[in-house]
Amino acid sequence: MNESLKKEIQSATLERLITHLKERKDVQNIDLMNLAGFCRNCLSRWYREEAGKNGIEISDSDAREHIYGMPYSEWKEKYQK
């Protein structure tokens, strides 16, 4: 497998994970942290950091909105227990 195809597959896999987490609003971040060692906030931070490595500045709130599918404050109000 060439590097370009590998990156394309990894990107699609990450997007599937993000979509899955957007659909599973019942899964709390604390549960993810306890079981997997990462949560939606970690994903949004990693997204922002990787963009920064490529010279693209993304705010914390924009990165979180990409991962959560809505503003973080709205997600917390609606779904955080």
N, C-alpha and C. Protein backbone atom coordinates (compact mmCIF):
# COMPACT_ATOMS: atom_id res chain seq x y z
N MET A 1 0.86 -1.17 0.00
CA MET A 1 0.00 0.00 0.00
C MET A 1 0.90 1.24 0.00
N ASN A 2 0.62 2.16 -0.90
CA ASN A 2 1.44 3.38 -0.92
C ASN A 2 0.98 4.35 0.17
N GLU A 3 1.83 5.32 0.46
CA GLU A 3 1.58 6.25 1.57
C GLU A 3 0.32 7.08 1.34
N SER A 4 0.07 7.48 0.13
CA SER A 4 -1.12 8.29 -0.18
C SER A 4 -2.40 7.51 0.11
N LEU A 5 -2.45 6.27 -0.32
CA LEU A 5 -3.62 5.44 -0.06
C LEU A 5 -3.78 5.17 1.43
N LYS A 6 -2.68 4.93 2.11
CA LYS A 6 -2.72 4.72 3.56
C LYS A 6 -3.33 5.93 4.26
N LYS A 7 -2.90 7.14 3.89
CA LYS A 7 -3.43 8.37 4.50
C LYS A 7 -4.92 8.53 4.19
N GLU A 8 -5.32 8.18 2.97
CA GLU A 8 -6.72 8.29 2.59
C GLU A 8 -7.58 7.34 3.43
N ILE A 9 -7.11 6.13 3.63
CA ILE A 9 -7.84 5.15 4.43
C ILE A 9 -7.90 5.59 5.88
N GLN A 10 -6.80 6.09 6.42
CA GLN A 10 -6.78 6.57 7.80
C GLN A 10 -7.73 7.74 7.98
N SER A 11 -7.76 8.63 7.02
CA SER A 11 -8.66 9.79 7.08
C SER A 11 -10.12 9.35 7.09
N ALA A 12 -10.46 8.42 6.20
CA ALA A 12 -11.83 7.92 6.14
C ALA A 12 -12.21 7.20 7.43
N THR A 13 -11.26 6.47 8.01
CA THR A 13 -11.51 5.78 9.27
C THR A 13 -11.78 6.77 10.39
N LEU A 14 -10.99 7.82 10.46
CA LEU A 14 -11.21 8.85 11.48
C LEU A 14 -12.58 9.51 11.30
N GLU A 15 -12.95 9.81 10.07
CA GLU A 15 -14.26 10.42 9.83
C GLU A 15 -15.38 9.48 10.27
N ARG A 16 -15.21 8.18 10.07
CA ARG A 16 -16.22 7.22 10.54
C ARG A 16 -16.30 7.22 12.06
N LEU A 17 -15.16 7.31 12.74
CA LEU A 17 -15.15 7.39 14.20
C LEU A 17 -15.87 8.65 14.66
N ILE A 18 -15.57 9.77 14.04
CA ILE A 18 -16.22 11.04 14.41
C ILE A 18 -17.73 10.94 14.19
N THR A 19 -18.15 10.40 13.07
CA THR A 19 -19.58 10.23 12.79
C THR A 19 -20.22 9.31 13.82
N HIS A 20 -19.54 8.23 14.15
CA HIS A 20 -20.06 7.30 15.15
C HIS A 20 -20.26 8.00 16.50
N LEU A 21 -19.28 8.79 16.92
CA LEU A 21 -19.40 9.50 18.19
C LEU A 21 -20.48 10.57 18.16
N LYS A 22 -20.68 11.20 17.00
CA LYS A 22 -21.77 12.18 16.87
C LYS A 22 -23.12 11.49 17.03
N GLU A 23 -23.22 10.26 16.51
CA GLU A 23 -24.48 9.52 16.61
C GLU A 23 -24.69 8.94 18.00
N ARG A 24 -23.63 8.65 18.73
CA ARG A 24 -23.72 8.03 20.05
C ARG A 24 -23.58 9.08 21.16
N LYS A 25 -24.53 9.99 21.17
CA LYS A 25 -24.51 11.07 22.16
C LYS A 25 -24.71 10.53 23.58
N ASP A 26 -25.20 9.30 23.69
CA ASP A 26 -25.39 8.69 24.99
C ASP A 26 -24.06 8.30 25.65
N VAL A 27 -23.02 8.17 24.86
CA VAL A 27 -21.70 7.81 25.39
C VAL A 27 -21.04 9.08 25.91
N GLN A 28 -20.80 9.10 27.20
CA GLN A 28 -20.22 10.27 27.85
C GLN A 28 -18.70 10.29 27.69
N ASN A 29 -18.14 11.50 27.66
CA ASN A 29 -16.69 11.63 27.55
C ASN A 29 -15.96 10.93 28.68
N ILE A 30 -16.50 11.00 29.89
CA ILE A 30 -15.83 10.36 31.03
C ILE A 30 -15.77 8.84 30.82
N ASP A 31 -16.81 8.28 30.21
CA ASP A 31 -16.81 6.85 29.92
C ASP A 31 -15.72 6.50 28.90
N LEU A 32 -15.62 7.33 27.86
CA LEU A 32 -14.56 7.13 26.87
C LEU A 32 -13.18 7.21 27.52
N MET A 33 -12.98 8.21 28.37
CA MET A 33 -11.67 8.37 29.03
C MET A 33 -11.35 7.17 29.90
N ASN A 34 -12.34 6.72 30.67
CA ASN A 34 -12.11 5.59 31.57
C ASN A 34 -11.82 4.29 30.82
N LEU A 35 -12.50 4.08 29.71
CA LEU A 35 -12.36 2.83 28.97
C LEU A 35 -11.28 2.85 27.90
N ALA A 36 -11.14 4.00 27.22
CA ALA A 36 -10.25 4.04 26.07
C ALA A 36 -9.06 4.97 26.24
N GLY A 37 -9.11 5.83 27.26
CA GLY A 37 -7.99 6.75 27.48
C GLY A 37 -8.02 7.99 26.60
N PHE A 38 -9.14 8.22 25.90
CA PHE A 38 -9.32 9.44 25.11
C PHE A 38 -10.80 9.74 25.05
N CYS A 39 -11.12 10.98 24.67
CA CYS A 39 -12.52 11.38 24.54
C CYS A 39 -12.68 12.32 23.36
N ARG A 40 -13.85 12.86 23.18
CA ARG A 40 -14.11 13.79 22.08
C ARG A 40 -13.21 15.02 22.19
N ASN A 41 -12.98 15.49 23.40
CA ASN A 41 -12.12 16.65 23.57
C ASN A 41 -10.69 16.34 23.14
N CYS A 42 -10.22 15.13 23.42
CA CYS A 42 -8.89 14.71 22.96
C CYS A 42 -8.85 14.73 21.44
N LEU A 43 -9.88 14.17 20.80
CA LEU A 43 -9.92 14.16 19.34
C LEU A 43 -9.89 15.57 18.77
N SER A 44 -10.64 16.47 19.39
CA SER A 44 -10.65 17.84 18.88
C SER A 44 -9.29 18.50 19.07
N ARG A 45 -8.62 18.23 20.17
CA ARG A 45 -7.27 18.78 20.40
C ARG A 45 -6.28 18.22 19.37
N TRP A 46 -6.35 16.91 19.14
CA TRP A 46 -5.46 16.28 18.16
C TRP A 46 -5.72 16.87 16.77
N TYR A 47 -6.97 17.09 16.43
CA TYR A 47 -7.35 17.68 15.14
C TYR A 47 -6.72 19.06 15.00
N ARG A 48 -6.87 19.87 16.04
CA ARG A 48 -6.31 21.23 16.04
C ARG A 48 -4.79 21.19 15.94
N GLU A 49 -4.16 20.31 16.70
CA GLU A 49 -2.70 20.21 16.70
C GLU A 49 -2.16 19.76 15.34
N GLU A 50 -2.82 18.79 14.73
CA GLU A 50 -2.38 18.32 13.41
C GLU A 50 -2.56 19.40 12.36
N ALA A 51 -3.64 20.16 12.44
CA ALA A 51 -3.82 21.28 11.52
C ALA A 51 -2.70 22.29 11.70
N GLY A 52 -2.35 22.57 12.96
CA GLY A 52 -1.27 23.51 13.25
C GLY A 52 0.06 23.06 12.65
N LYS A 53 0.32 21.76 12.67
CA LYS A 53 1.55 21.24 12.07
C LYS A 53 1.61 21.51 10.56
N ASN A 54 0.44 21.71 9.98
CA ASN A 54 0.35 22.00 8.55
C ASN A 54 0.11 23.48 8.27
N GLY A 55 0.36 24.31 9.28
CA GLY A 55 0.24 25.76 9.11
C GLY A 55 -1.18 26.28 9.10
N ILE A 56 -2.12 25.47 9.58
CA ILE A 56 -3.52 25.89 9.61
C ILE A 56 -3.93 26.08 11.06
N GLU A 57 -4.34 27.29 11.39
CA GLU A 57 -4.76 27.59 12.75
C GLU A 57 -6.26 27.36 12.88
N ILE A 58 -6.63 26.52 13.82
CA ILE A 58 -8.03 26.23 14.12
C ILE A 58 -8.23 26.50 15.60
N SER A 59 -9.28 27.23 15.93
CA SER A 59 -9.56 27.52 17.33
C SER A 59 -10.05 26.26 18.04
N ASP A 60 -9.93 26.27 19.36
CA ASP A 60 -10.46 25.14 20.15
C ASP A 60 -11.94 24.95 19.87
N SER A 61 -12.68 26.05 19.84
CA SER A 61 -14.14 25.93 19.65
C SER A 61 -14.47 25.39 18.26
N ASP A 62 -13.74 25.79 17.23
CA ASP A 62 -14.00 25.27 15.88
C ASP A 62 -13.63 23.79 15.79
N ALA A 63 -12.54 23.40 16.43
CA ALA A 63 -12.13 21.99 16.43
C ALA A 63 -13.16 21.14 17.16
N ARG A 64 -13.64 21.63 18.29
CA ARG A 64 -14.66 20.88 19.03
C ARG A 64 -15.95 20.77 18.23
N GLU A 65 -16.33 21.86 17.55
CA GLU A 65 -17.55 21.81 16.76
C GLU A 65 -17.43 20.78 15.64
N HIS A 66 -16.24 20.64 15.07
CA HIS A 66 -16.03 19.61 14.04
C HIS A 66 -16.25 18.21 14.62
N ILE A 67 -15.76 17.96 15.81
CA ILE A 67 -15.86 16.65 16.43
C ILE A 67 -17.27 16.39 16.98
N TYR A 68 -17.84 17.39 17.64
CA TYR A 68 -19.15 17.22 18.29
C TYR A 68 -20.33 17.37 17.31
N GLY A 69 -20.09 18.06 16.20
CA GLY A 69 -21.17 18.30 15.24
C GLY A 69 -22.06 19.46 15.62
N MET A 70 -21.67 20.21 16.62
CA MET A 70 -22.41 21.38 17.10
C MET A 70 -21.48 22.12 18.06
N PRO A 71 -21.82 23.35 18.43
CA PRO A 71 -20.99 24.02 19.42
C PRO A 71 -20.91 23.19 20.71
N TYR A 72 -19.73 23.17 21.29
CA TYR A 72 -19.50 22.36 22.50
C TYR A 72 -20.46 22.73 23.62
N SER A 73 -20.74 24.01 23.80
CA SER A 73 -21.65 24.44 24.87
C SER A 73 -23.05 23.86 24.65
N GLU A 74 -23.47 23.79 23.40
CA GLU A 74 -24.78 23.21 23.09
C GLU A 74 -24.78 21.70 23.39
N TRP A 75 -23.71 21.01 22.99
CA TRP A 75 -23.62 19.57 23.25
C TRP A 75 -23.65 19.30 24.75
N LYS A 76 -22.88 20.08 25.52
CA LYS A 76 -22.85 19.89 26.98
C LYS A 76 -24.23 20.08 27.57
N GLU A 77 -24.93 21.12 27.15
CA GLU A 77 -26.25 21.40 27.69
C GLU A 77 -27.25 20.29 27.36
N LYS A 78 -27.18 19.76 26.15
CA LYS A 78 -28.15 18.76 25.71
C LYS A 78 -27.82 17.34 26.17
N TYR A 79 -26.52 16.99 26.20
CA TYR A 79 -26.17 15.57 26.33
C TYR A 79 -25.28 15.21 27.51
N GLN A 80 -24.56 16.17 28.08
CA GLN A 80 -23.66 15.80 29.17
C GLN A 80 -24.46 15.55 30.43
N LYS A 81 -24.18 14.43 31.07
CA LYS A 81 -24.89 14.06 32.30
C LYS A 81 -24.08 14.42 33.51
